[in-house]
C-alpha atoms as a PDB file:
ATOM      1  CA  MET A   1      65.943  30.920  54.884  1.00  0.00           C
ATOM      2  CA  PHE A   2      67.377  30.800  51.683  1.00  0.00           C
ATOM      3  CA  LYS A   3      63.891  31.130  49.571  1.00  0.00           C
ATOM      4  CA  ARG A   4      63.125  34.426  51.304  1.00  0.00           C
ATOM      5  CA  PHE A   5      66.467  36.107  50.152  1.00  0.00           C
ATOM      6  CA  SER A   6      68.116  36.452  46.822  1.00  0.00           C
ATOM      7  CA  MET A   7      72.098  35.200  46.984  1.00  0.00           C
ATOM      8  CA  SER A   8      73.020  39.085  46.465  1.00  0.00           C
ATOM      9  CA  GLU A   9      71.196  39.733  49.789  1.00  0.00           C
ATOM     10  CA  ILE A  10      73.352  37.073  51.882  1.00  0.00           C
ATOM     11  CA  THR A  11      76.664  38.817  52.171  1.00  0.00           C
ATOM     12  CA  PHE A  12      80.000  38.986  53.818  1.00  0.00           C
ATOM     13  CA  GLU A  13      78.629  41.202  56.308  1.00  0.00           C
ATOM     14  CA  ARG A  14      75.514  39.661  57.190  1.00  0.00           C
ATOM     15  CA  VAL A  15      77.341  35.897  57.537  1.00  0.00           C
ATOM     16  CA  SER A  16      80.044  37.072  59.267  1.00  0.00           C
ATOM     17  CA  GLY A  17      77.993  39.282  61.766  1.00  0.00           C
ATOM     18  CA  HIS A  18      75.494  36.482  62.650  1.00  0.00           C
ATOM     19  CA  LEU A  19      78.782  34.143  63.223  1.00  0.00           C
ATOM     20  CA  LYS A  20      79.970  36.799  65.603  1.00  0.00           C
ATOM     21  CA  ARG A  21      76.734  37.211  67.371  1.00  0.00           C
ATOM     22  CA  ARG A  22      76.970  33.054  67.741  1.00  0.00           C
ATOM     23  CA  ILE A  23      80.416  33.650  69.313  1.00  0.00           C
ATOM     24  CA  ALA A  24      78.971  36.613  71.567  1.00  0.00           C
ATOM     25  CA  TYR A  25      76.457  34.323  72.453  1.00  0.00           C
ATOM     26  CA  LEU A  26      78.572  31.554  73.947  1.00  0.00           C
ATOM     27  CA  ASP A  27      80.012  34.335  76.747  1.00  0.00           C
ATOM     28  CA  SER A  28      76.615  35.354  77.175  1.00  0.00           C
ATOM     29  CA  LEU A  29      75.671  31.928  77.769  1.00  0.00           C
ATOM     30  CA  ARG A  30      78.824  30.428  80.414  1.00  0.00           C
ATOM     31  CA  ASN A  31      77.655  33.422  82.582  1.00  0.00           C
ATOM     32  CA  TRP A  32      73.898  32.664  82.529  1.00  0.00           C
ATOM     33  CA  TYR A  33      75.060  29.489  84.737  1.00  0.00           C
ATOM     34  CA  ALA A  34      78.086  30.434  86.309  1.00  0.00           C
ATOM     35  CA  SER A  35      78.001  33.809  87.328  1.00  0.00           C
ATOM     36  CA  GLU A  36      76.308  35.505  90.533  1.00  0.00           C
ATOM     37  CA  PHE A  37      75.139  37.952  88.201  1.00  0.00           C
ATOM     38  CA  GLY A  38      73.313  35.390  86.578  1.00  0.00           C
ATOM     39  CA  ARG A  39      71.755  33.457  89.153  1.00  0.00           C
ATOM     40  CA  THR A  40      70.161  36.499  90.502  1.00  0.00           C
ATOM     41  CA  ASN A  41      68.179  36.738  87.088  1.00  0.00           C
ATOM     42  CA  ARG A  42      67.791  33.570  87.349  1.00  0.00           C
ATOM     43  CA  GLU A  43      66.381  33.611  90.839  1.00  0.00           C
ATOM     44  CA  THR A  44      64.302  36.610  89.454  1.00  0.00           C
ATOM     45  CA  LEU A  45      62.812  34.803  86.466  1.00  0.00           C
ATOM     46  CA  ALA A  46      61.448  31.969  88.765  1.00  0.00           C
ATOM     47  CA  ALA A  47      59.649  34.666  91.190  1.00  0.00           C
ATOM     48  CA  LEU A  48      57.574  36.312  87.917  1.00  0.00           C
ATOM     49  CA  LYS A  49      56.618  33.028  86.545  1.00  0.00           C
ATOM     50  CA  ASN A  50      52.422  33.309  86.245  1.00  0.00           C
ATOM     51  CA  LYS A  51      52.890  36.438  88.595  1.00  0.00           C
ATOM     52  CA  HIS A  52      50.029  37.696  86.074  1.00  0.00           C
ATOM     53  CA  ALA A  53      48.111  34.274  86.176  1.00  0.00           C
ATOM     54  CA  GLY A  54      44.706  34.666  84.196  1.00  0.00           C
ATOM     55  CA  GLU A  55      45.178  38.820  83.843  1.00  0.00           C
ATOM     56  CA  ARG A  56      45.332  40.720  80.495  1.00  0.00           C
ATOM     57  CA  ALA A  57      47.651  42.612  78.715  1.00  0.00           C
ATOM     58  CA  ILE A  58      47.912  45.376  75.994  1.00  0.00           C
ATOM     59  CA  ILE A  59      51.308  44.967  73.737  1.00  0.00           C
ATOM     60  CA  ILE A  60      51.714  48.143  72.736  1.00  0.00           C
ATOM     61  CA  CYS A  61      53.515  48.024  69.047  1.00  0.00           C
ATOM     62  CA  ASN A  62      54.597  51.394  67.558  1.00  0.00           C
ATOM     63  CA  GLY A  63      52.614  51.514  64.460  1.00  0.00           C
ATOM     64  CA  PRO A  64      51.076  55.091  63.218  1.00  0.00           C
ATOM     65  CA  SER A  65      47.507  53.321  63.591  1.00  0.00           C
ATOM     66  CA  LEU A  66      48.398  54.529  67.432  1.00  0.00           C
ATOM     67  CA  LYS A  67      47.550  57.657  66.356  1.00  0.00           C
ATOM     68  CA  LYS A  68      43.898  56.302  65.407  1.00  0.00           C
ATOM     69  CA  THR A  69      43.440  54.452  68.548  1.00  0.00           C
ATOM     70  CA  ASP A  70      42.075  55.952  71.875  1.00  0.00           C
ATOM     71  CA  MET A  71      44.957  55.098  74.323  1.00  0.00           C
ATOM     72  CA  SER A  72      42.599  56.003  76.969  1.00  0.00           C
ATOM     73  CA  LEU A  73      41.345  52.705  76.956  1.00  0.00           C
ATOM     74  CA  VAL A  74      44.587  51.342  77.411  1.00  0.00           C
ATOM     75  CA  GLU A  75      45.587  53.677  80.813  1.00  0.00           C
ATOM     76  CA  ARG A  76      44.502  51.179  83.206  1.00  0.00           C
ATOM     77  CA  GLU A  77      45.634  48.574  81.853  1.00  0.00           C
ATOM     78  CA  THR A  78      49.098  46.213  82.181  1.00  0.00           C
ATOM     79  CA  SER A  79      50.482  47.215  79.251  1.00  0.00           C
ATOM     80  CA  PHE A  80      53.897  46.328  77.535  1.00  0.00           C
ATOM     81  CA  CYS A  81      55.594  48.553  75.251  1.00  0.00           C
ATOM     82  CA  MET A  82      59.225  48.764  73.180  1.00  0.00           C
ATOM     83  CA  ASN A  83      61.791  50.712  72.001  1.00  0.00           C
ATOM     84  CA  ARG A  84      61.357  54.434  71.429  1.00  0.00           C
ATOM     85  CA  SER A  85      57.499  54.095  72.579  1.00  0.00           C
ATOM     86  CA  TYR A  86      58.369  56.759  75.434  1.00  0.00           C
ATOM     87  CA  LEU A  87      58.480  59.422  72.808  1.00  0.00           C
ATOM     88  CA  MET A  88      54.594  59.044  73.493  1.00  0.00           C
ATOM     89  CA  PHE A  89      54.078  58.818  76.687  1.00  0.00           C
ATOM     90  CA  GLU A  90      53.239  62.334  77.261  1.00  0.00           C
ATOM     91  CA  GLU A  91      50.815  62.646  74.723  1.00  0.00           C
ATOM     92  CA  TRP A  92      49.201  59.322  75.624  1.00  0.00           C
ATOM     93  CA  GLY A  93      49.002  60.691  79.457  1.00  0.00           C
ATOM     94  CA  PHE A  94      50.050  57.065  80.941  1.00  0.00           C
ATOM     95  CA  THR A  95      53.433  55.508  81.135  1.00  0.00           C
ATOM     96  CA  PRO A  96      53.045  51.784  80.350  1.00  0.00           C
ATOM     97  CA  THR A  97      53.665  48.586  82.742  1.00  0.00           C
ATOM     98  CA  TYR A  98      56.453  47.132  81.538  1.00  0.00           C
ATOM     99  CA  PHE A  99      59.268  47.784  78.454  1.00  0.00           C
ATOM    100  CA  THR A 100      60.571  45.182  75.924  1.00  0.00           C
ATOM    101  CA  LEU A 101      63.759  45.853  74.249  1.00  0.00           C
ATOM    102  CA  THR A 102      65.675  42.968  71.427  1.00  0.00           C
ATOM    103  CA  ASN A 103      67.410  45.569  68.937  1.00  0.00           C
ATOM    104  CA  GLU A 104      71.347  46.014  70.125  1.00  0.00           C
ATOM    105  CA  LEU A 105      70.887  48.734  67.551  1.00  0.00           C
ATOM    106  CA  VAL A 106      68.264  51.106  69.180  1.00  0.00           C
ATOM    107  CA  LEU A 107      69.542  50.260  72.911  1.00  0.00           C
ATOM    108  CA  ARG A 108      73.433  51.719  71.905  1.00  0.00           C
ATOM    109  CA  GLN A 109      71.414  54.670  70.153  1.00  0.00           C
ATOM    110  CA  PHE A 110      69.410  55.529  72.566  1.00  0.00           C
ATOM    111  CA  LEU A 111      70.631  54.141  75.581  1.00  0.00           C
ATOM    112  CA  ASP A 112      69.983  57.067  77.806  1.00  0.00           C
ATOM    113  CA  ASP A 113      67.032  57.774  76.958  1.00  0.00           C
ATOM    114  CA  ILE A 114      65.938  53.635  77.794  1.00  0.00           C
ATOM    115  CA  ARG A 115      67.989  53.589  80.894  1.00  0.00           C
ATOM    116  CA  ALA A 116      66.051  56.726  82.240  1.00  0.00           C
ATOM    117  CA  LEU A 117      62.780  54.996  81.959  1.00  0.00           C
ATOM    118  CA  ALA A 118      61.048  54.408  85.873  1.00  0.00           C
ATOM    119  CA  MET A 119      59.556  50.666  84.393  1.00  0.00           C
ATOM    120  CA  PRO A 120      60.777  47.369  84.716  1.00  0.00           C
ATOM    121  CA  LYS A 121      62.573  46.157  81.720  1.00  0.00           C
ATOM    122  CA  PHE A 122      62.931  42.785  79.816  1.00  0.00           C
ATOM    123  CA  THR A 123      66.181  42.541  77.243  1.00  0.00           C
ATOM    124  CA  ASP A 124      68.333  40.083  75.990  1.00  0.00           C
ATOM    125  CA  PHE A 125      71.156  38.941  78.789  1.00  0.00           C
ATOM    126  CA  ALA A 126      73.915  39.455  76.327  1.00  0.00           C
ATOM    127  CA  TYR A 127      72.829  43.216  76.756  1.00  0.00           C
ATOM    128  CA  ARG A 128      73.990  43.203  80.375  1.00  0.00           C
ATOM    129  CA  GLU A 129      76.632  45.800  80.894  1.00  0.00           C
ATOM    130  CA  LEU A 130      74.559  48.271  78.447  1.00  0.00           C
ATOM    131  CA  LEU A 131      71.155  48.298  80.524  1.00  0.00           C
ATOM    132  CA  ARG A 132      72.030  47.289  84.163  1.00  0.00           C
ATOM    133  CA  PRO A 133      69.850  45.675  86.843  1.00  0.00           C
ATOM    134  CA  GLU A 134      70.015  49.235  88.800  1.00  0.00           C
ATOM    135  CA  ASP A 135      67.880  50.034  85.601  1.00  0.00           C
ATOM    136  CA  ASP A 136      65.226  47.955  86.578  1.00  0.00           C
ATOM    137  CA  THR A 137      66.022  45.315  83.943  1.00  0.00           C
ATOM    138  CA  ARG A 138      65.737  41.282  84.049  1.00  0.00           C
ATOM    139  CA  TYR A 139      67.241  39.295  80.983  1.00  0.00           C
ATOM    140  CA  PHE A 140      66.498  36.689  78.987  1.00  0.00           C
ATOM    141  CA  ARG A 141      68.552  34.574  76.683  1.00  0.00           C
ATOM    142  CA  LEU A 142      68.390  35.386  73.087  1.00  0.00           C
ATOM    143  CA  PRO A 143      70.338  33.026  70.753  1.00  0.00           C
ATOM    144  CA  PRO A 144      70.809  33.890  67.187  1.00  0.00           C
ATOM    145  CA  ARG A 145      68.691  31.375  65.356  1.00  0.00           C
ATOM    146  CA  LEU A 146      68.114  30.680  61.644  1.00  0.00           C
ATOM    147  CA  ALA A 147      65.024  28.794  62.714  1.00  0.00           C
ATOM    148  CA  ASP A 148      62.258  30.361  65.777  1.00  0.00           C
ATOM    149  CA  ARG A 149      60.565  28.831  68.032  1.00  0.00           C
ATOM    150  CA  PHE A 150      57.863  30.107  70.364  1.00  0.00           C
ATOM    151  CA  GLU A 151      59.152  29.576  74.469  1.00  0.00           C
ATOM    152  CA  GLY A 152      56.815  29.919  77.175  1.00  0.00           C
ATOM    153  CA  ASP A 153      59.628  30.102  79.803  1.00  0.00           C
ATOM    154  CA  LEU A 154      62.000  32.897  80.114  1.00  0.00           C
ATOM    155  CA  GLN A 155      64.484  30.327  81.798  1.00  0.00           C
ATOM    156  CA  ARG A 156      65.072  28.861  78.439  1.00  0.00           C
ATOM    157  CA  PRO A 157      66.193  30.448  75.490  1.00  0.00           C
ATOM    158  CA  ILE A 158      63.915  32.560  73.237  1.00  0.00           C
ATOM    159  CA  SER A 159      63.357  33.052  69.714  1.00  0.00           C
ATOM    160  CA  SER A 160      63.233  37.004  68.337  1.00  0.00           C
ATOM    161  CA  GLY A 161      60.982  35.980  65.368  1.00  0.00           C
ATOM    162  CA  GLY A 162      62.419  39.454  63.705  1.00  0.00           C
ATOM    163  CA  THR A 163      60.676  41.458  66.167  1.00  0.00           C
ATOM    164  CA  VAL A 164      60.110  42.512  69.564  1.00  0.00           C
ATOM    165  CA  THR A 165      56.734  41.707  69.491  1.00  0.00           C
ATOM    166  CA  PHE A 166      56.896  38.113  69.363  1.00  0.00           C
ATOM    167  CA  ALA A 167      59.413  38.164  72.178  1.00  0.00           C
ATOM    168  CA  THR A 168      56.907  40.260  74.169  1.00  0.00           C
ATOM    169  CA  LEU A 169      54.392  37.587  73.215  1.00  0.00           C
ATOM    170  CA  GLN A 170      56.850  35.211  74.822  1.00  0.00           C
ATOM    171  CA  ILE A 171      57.437  37.453  78.040  1.00  0.00           C
ATOM    172  CA  ALA A 172      53.088  38.110  78.232  1.00  0.00           C
ATOM    173  CA  PHE A 173      53.226  34.444  78.487  1.00  0.00           C
ATOM    174  CA  PHE A 174      55.591  33.413  81.116  1.00  0.00           C
ATOM    175  CA  LEU A 175      54.073  36.069  83.266  1.00  0.00           C
ATOM    176  CA  GLY A 176      50.545  34.289  82.720  1.00  0.00           C
ATOM    177  CA  PHE A 177      48.498  36.682  81.102  1.00  0.00           C
ATOM    178  CA  SER A 178      45.489  34.760  79.294  1.00  0.00           C
ATOM    179  CA  LYS A 179      44.726  37.230  77.354  1.00  0.00           C
ATOM    180  CA  VAL A 180      46.387  39.667  75.263  1.00  0.00           C
ATOM    181  CA  ILE A 181      45.869  42.588  73.198  1.00  0.00           C
ATOM    182  CA  ILE A 182      47.841  43.964  70.621  1.00  0.00           C
ATOM    183  CA  ILE A 183      47.476  47.142  69.035  1.00  0.00           C
ATOM    184  CA  GLY A 184      49.538  49.234  67.076  1.00  0.00           C
ATOM    185  CA  MET A 185      51.111  46.548  64.586  1.00  0.00           C
ATOM    186  CA  ASP A 186      50.420  48.015  61.361  1.00  0.00           C
ATOM    187  CA  HIS A 187      52.558  45.081  59.594  1.00  0.00           C
ATOM    188  CA  ARG A 188      53.044  47.513  56.492  1.00  0.00           C
ATOM    189  CA  PHE A 189      55.840  49.757  56.037  1.00  0.00           C
ATOM    190  CA  LYS A 190      56.670  52.588  53.359  1.00  0.00           C
ATOM    191  CA  ALA A 191      60.744  51.892  53.739  1.00  0.00           C
ATOM    192  CA  ARG A 192      62.135  49.289  51.418  1.00  0.00           C
ATOM    193  CA  GLY A 193      65.471  47.575  51.631  1.00  0.00           C
ATOM    194  CA  VAL A 194      66.980  44.015  52.750  1.00  0.00           C
ATOM    195  CA  PRO A 195      64.919  42.140  55.600  1.00  0.00           C
ATOM    196  CA  SER A 196      66.991  42.451  59.048  1.00  0.00           C
ATOM    197  CA  ALA A 197      69.674  44.103  57.279  1.00  0.00           C
ATOM    198  CA  ALA A 198      71.287  47.025  58.992  1.00  0.00           C
ATOM    199  CA  GLU A 199      71.008  50.573  56.919  1.00  0.00           C
ATOM    200  CA  ILE A 200      71.070  54.211  57.374  1.00  0.00           C
ATOM    201  CA  ARG A 201      67.600  56.166  57.586  1.00  0.00           C
ATOM    202  CA  HIS A 202      67.776  58.646  54.686  1.00  0.00           C
ATOM    203  CA  ASN A 203      64.409  59.959  55.305  1.00  0.00           C
ATOM    204  CA  GLU A 204      63.342  63.132  57.230  1.00  0.00           C
ATOM    205  CA  VAL A 205      60.004  61.618  58.336  1.00  0.00           C
ATOM    206  CA  ASP A 206      59.377  58.260  59.873  1.00  0.00           C
ATOM    207  CA  GLU A 207      56.280  57.360  58.407  1.00  0.00           C
ATOM    208  CA  ASP A 208      56.320  54.088  59.586  1.00  0.00           C
ATOM    209  CA  HIS A 209      55.773  54.687  63.363  1.00  0.00           C
ATOM    210  CA  ALA A 210      53.552  56.745  65.428  1.00  0.00           C
ATOM    211  CA  HIS A 211      56.042  59.505  65.898  1.00  0.00           C
ATOM    212  CA  PRO A 212      58.042  61.456  63.635  1.00  0.00           C
ATOM    213  CA  ASN A 213      60.955  61.033  65.151  1.00  0.00           C
ATOM    214  CA  TYR A 214      61.115  57.648  65.681  1.00  0.00           C
ATOM    215  CA  PHE A 215      63.831  56.487  63.872  1.00  0.00           C
ATOM    216  CA  PRO A 216      65.198  60.015  62.498  1.00  0.00           C
ATOM    217  CA  LYS A 217      67.347  60.744  59.749  1.00  0.00           C
ATOM    218  CA  GLY A 218      70.891  59.545  60.331  1.00  0.00           C
ATOM    219  CA  MET A 219      70.589  56.730  62.570  1.00  0.00           C
ATOM    220  CA  LYS A 220      71.088  52.738  61.921  1.00  0.00           C
ATOM    221  CA  TRP A 221      67.701  50.434  61.665  1.00  0.00           C
ATOM    222  CA  GLU A 222      66.473  47.337  60.669  1.00  0.00           C
ATOM    223  CA  LEU A 223      64.061  46.837  58.219  1.00  0.00           C
ATOM    224  CA  PRO A 224      61.677  43.980  59.502  1.00  0.00           C
ATOM    225  CA  ASP A 225      61.233  40.605  57.990  1.00  0.00           C
ATOM    226  CA  LEU A 226      57.392  40.770  57.874  1.00  0.00           C
ATOM    227  CA  ILE A 227      57.767  36.813  56.806  1.00  0.00           C
ATOM    228  CA  ARG A 228      59.593  36.135  59.173  1.00  0.00           C
ATOM    229  CA  SER A 229      57.266  37.639  61.990  1.00  0.00           C
ATOM    230  CA  GLU A 230      54.072  35.855  60.400  1.00  0.00           C
ATOM    231  CA  LEU A 231      55.410  32.614  60.773  1.00  0.00           C
ATOM    232  CA  ALA A 232      56.607  32.839  64.214  1.00  0.00           C
ATOM    233  CA  TYR A 233      53.525  34.535  65.170  1.00  0.00           C
ATOM    234  CA  LYS A 234      51.456  32.061  63.902  1.00  0.00           C
ATOM    235  CA  GLN A 235      53.703  29.598  66.601  1.00  0.00           C
ATOM    236  CA  ALA A 236      52.654  32.195  69.043  1.00  0.00           C
ATOM    237  CA  ARG A 237      48.922  31.850  68.580  1.00  0.00           C
ATOM    238  CA  ASN A 238      48.995  27.864  68.580  1.00  0.00           C
ATOM    239  CA  GLN A 239      50.862  28.113  71.808  1.00  0.00           C
ATOM    240  CA  TYR A 240      48.441  30.194  73.264  1.00  0.00           C
ATOM    241  CA  GLU A 241      45.536  28.250  72.286  1.00  0.00           C
ATOM    242  CA  LYS A 242      46.641  25.373  73.256  1.00  0.00           C
ATOM    243  CA  HIS A 243      47.001  26.250  76.542  1.00  0.00           C
ATOM    244  CA  GLY A 244      43.712  27.820  76.759  1.00  0.00           C
ATOM    245  CA  ARG A 245      44.963  31.642  76.039  1.00  0.00           C
ATOM    246  CA  ARG A 246      44.204  34.072  73.487  1.00  0.00           C
ATOM    247  CA  ILE A 247      45.991  36.987  71.276  1.00  0.00           C
ATOM    248  CA  ILE A 248      43.868  39.368  70.036  1.00  0.00           C
ATOM    249  CA  ASP A 249      44.530  42.289  67.148  1.00  0.00           C
ATOM    250  CA  ALA A 250      42.671  45.311  67.998  1.00  0.00           C
ATOM    251  CA  THR A 251      44.999  47.524  65.798  1.00  0.00           C
ATOM    252  CA  VAL A 252      43.132  49.697  63.266  1.00  0.00           C
ATOM    253  CA  ASP A 253      43.337  48.491  59.941  1.00  0.00           C
ATOM    254  CA  GLY A 254      46.549  46.378  60.534  1.00  0.00           C
ATOM    255  CA  ALA A 255      48.156  44.092  57.801  1.00  0.00           C
ATOM    256  CA  CYS A 256      48.372  41.090  59.795  1.00  0.00           C
ATOM    257  CA  THR A 257      46.202  38.453  59.549  1.00  0.00           C
ATOM    258  CA  VAL A 258      47.366  36.008  62.165  1.00  0.00           C
ATOM    259  CA  PHE A 259      45.467  36.682  65.307  1.00  0.00           C
ATOM    260  CA  GLU A 260      42.162  37.477  65.665  1.00  0.00           C
ATOM    261  CA  LYS A 261      40.545  40.597  64.800  1.00  0.00           C
ATOM    262  CA  ILE A 262      38.650  42.537  67.487  1.00  0.00           C
ATOM    263  CA  PRO A 263      38.026  46.415  67.682  1.00  0.00           C
ATOM    264  CA  LEU A 264      40.125  47.648  70.926  1.00  0.00           C
ATOM    265  CA  HIS A 265      36.528  48.743  73.092  1.00  0.00           C
ATOM    266  CA  GLU A 266      34.811  45.408  72.080  1.00  0.00           C
ATOM    267  CA  ALA A 267      38.387  43.519  73.190  1.00  0.00           C
ATOM    268  CA  LEU A 268      38.272  44.691  76.325  1.00  0.00           C
ATOM    269  CA  ALA A 269      34.795  44.488  76.955  1.00  0.00           C
ATOM    270  CA  ARG A 270      34.423  40.673  76.245  1.00  0.00           C
ATOM    271  CA  PRO A 271      35.638  38.105  79.226  1.00  0.00           C
END
């Protein structure tokens, strides 16, 4: 952690925020095991394990490269989307299969939009009073950690890896997918700032995502930590390959070098 951040970036606000999240997680952990709500969710997860064994899935990230991606190839595939991807559903002409969210800032600022999505959702158990079971939600545990670890079982706590994509790779693994194809993971940002620190958006147009109003001016967001993400992605690749599974990066001109690179149409044509 300290090798990647200068001392000026390790502020009281960030440290206290981390401590608050740890305290809040203790309450979440107690309810996971002690409440009826938690028991029901654990049963729901148990029923989902290996539901898609041997199948393939598309993970749709939200980078600008999606504008260069033939989304008609994804329409009939089992797919995951995340965060504010719903802004592109009409343009794509389809609704993905599953939705994943790990960022509380996104959830609180666009809660009504996300609740209204007509698809199964996965999010942190700590957000259960925001995204409710009647919103078609399943929950995992996402404790605050200084070190990430790939976890293939949603019945155990998972790591964020600094990106919802890493959480989604763990969900896909738990559901049994043997082949995962990632698109829209550009892995580069024009915005500058402190990684993982909450900041106010000042640009009129969002050039870092596939929709110009994805993160609009005035909203709070967290600049991604690309180094942390890469370290997490390497764990994901290792675990998938260890179990005879594959992760393919079909992002058009993506900057991430962790995963096997194959164009989308070829990745879909291969077994």
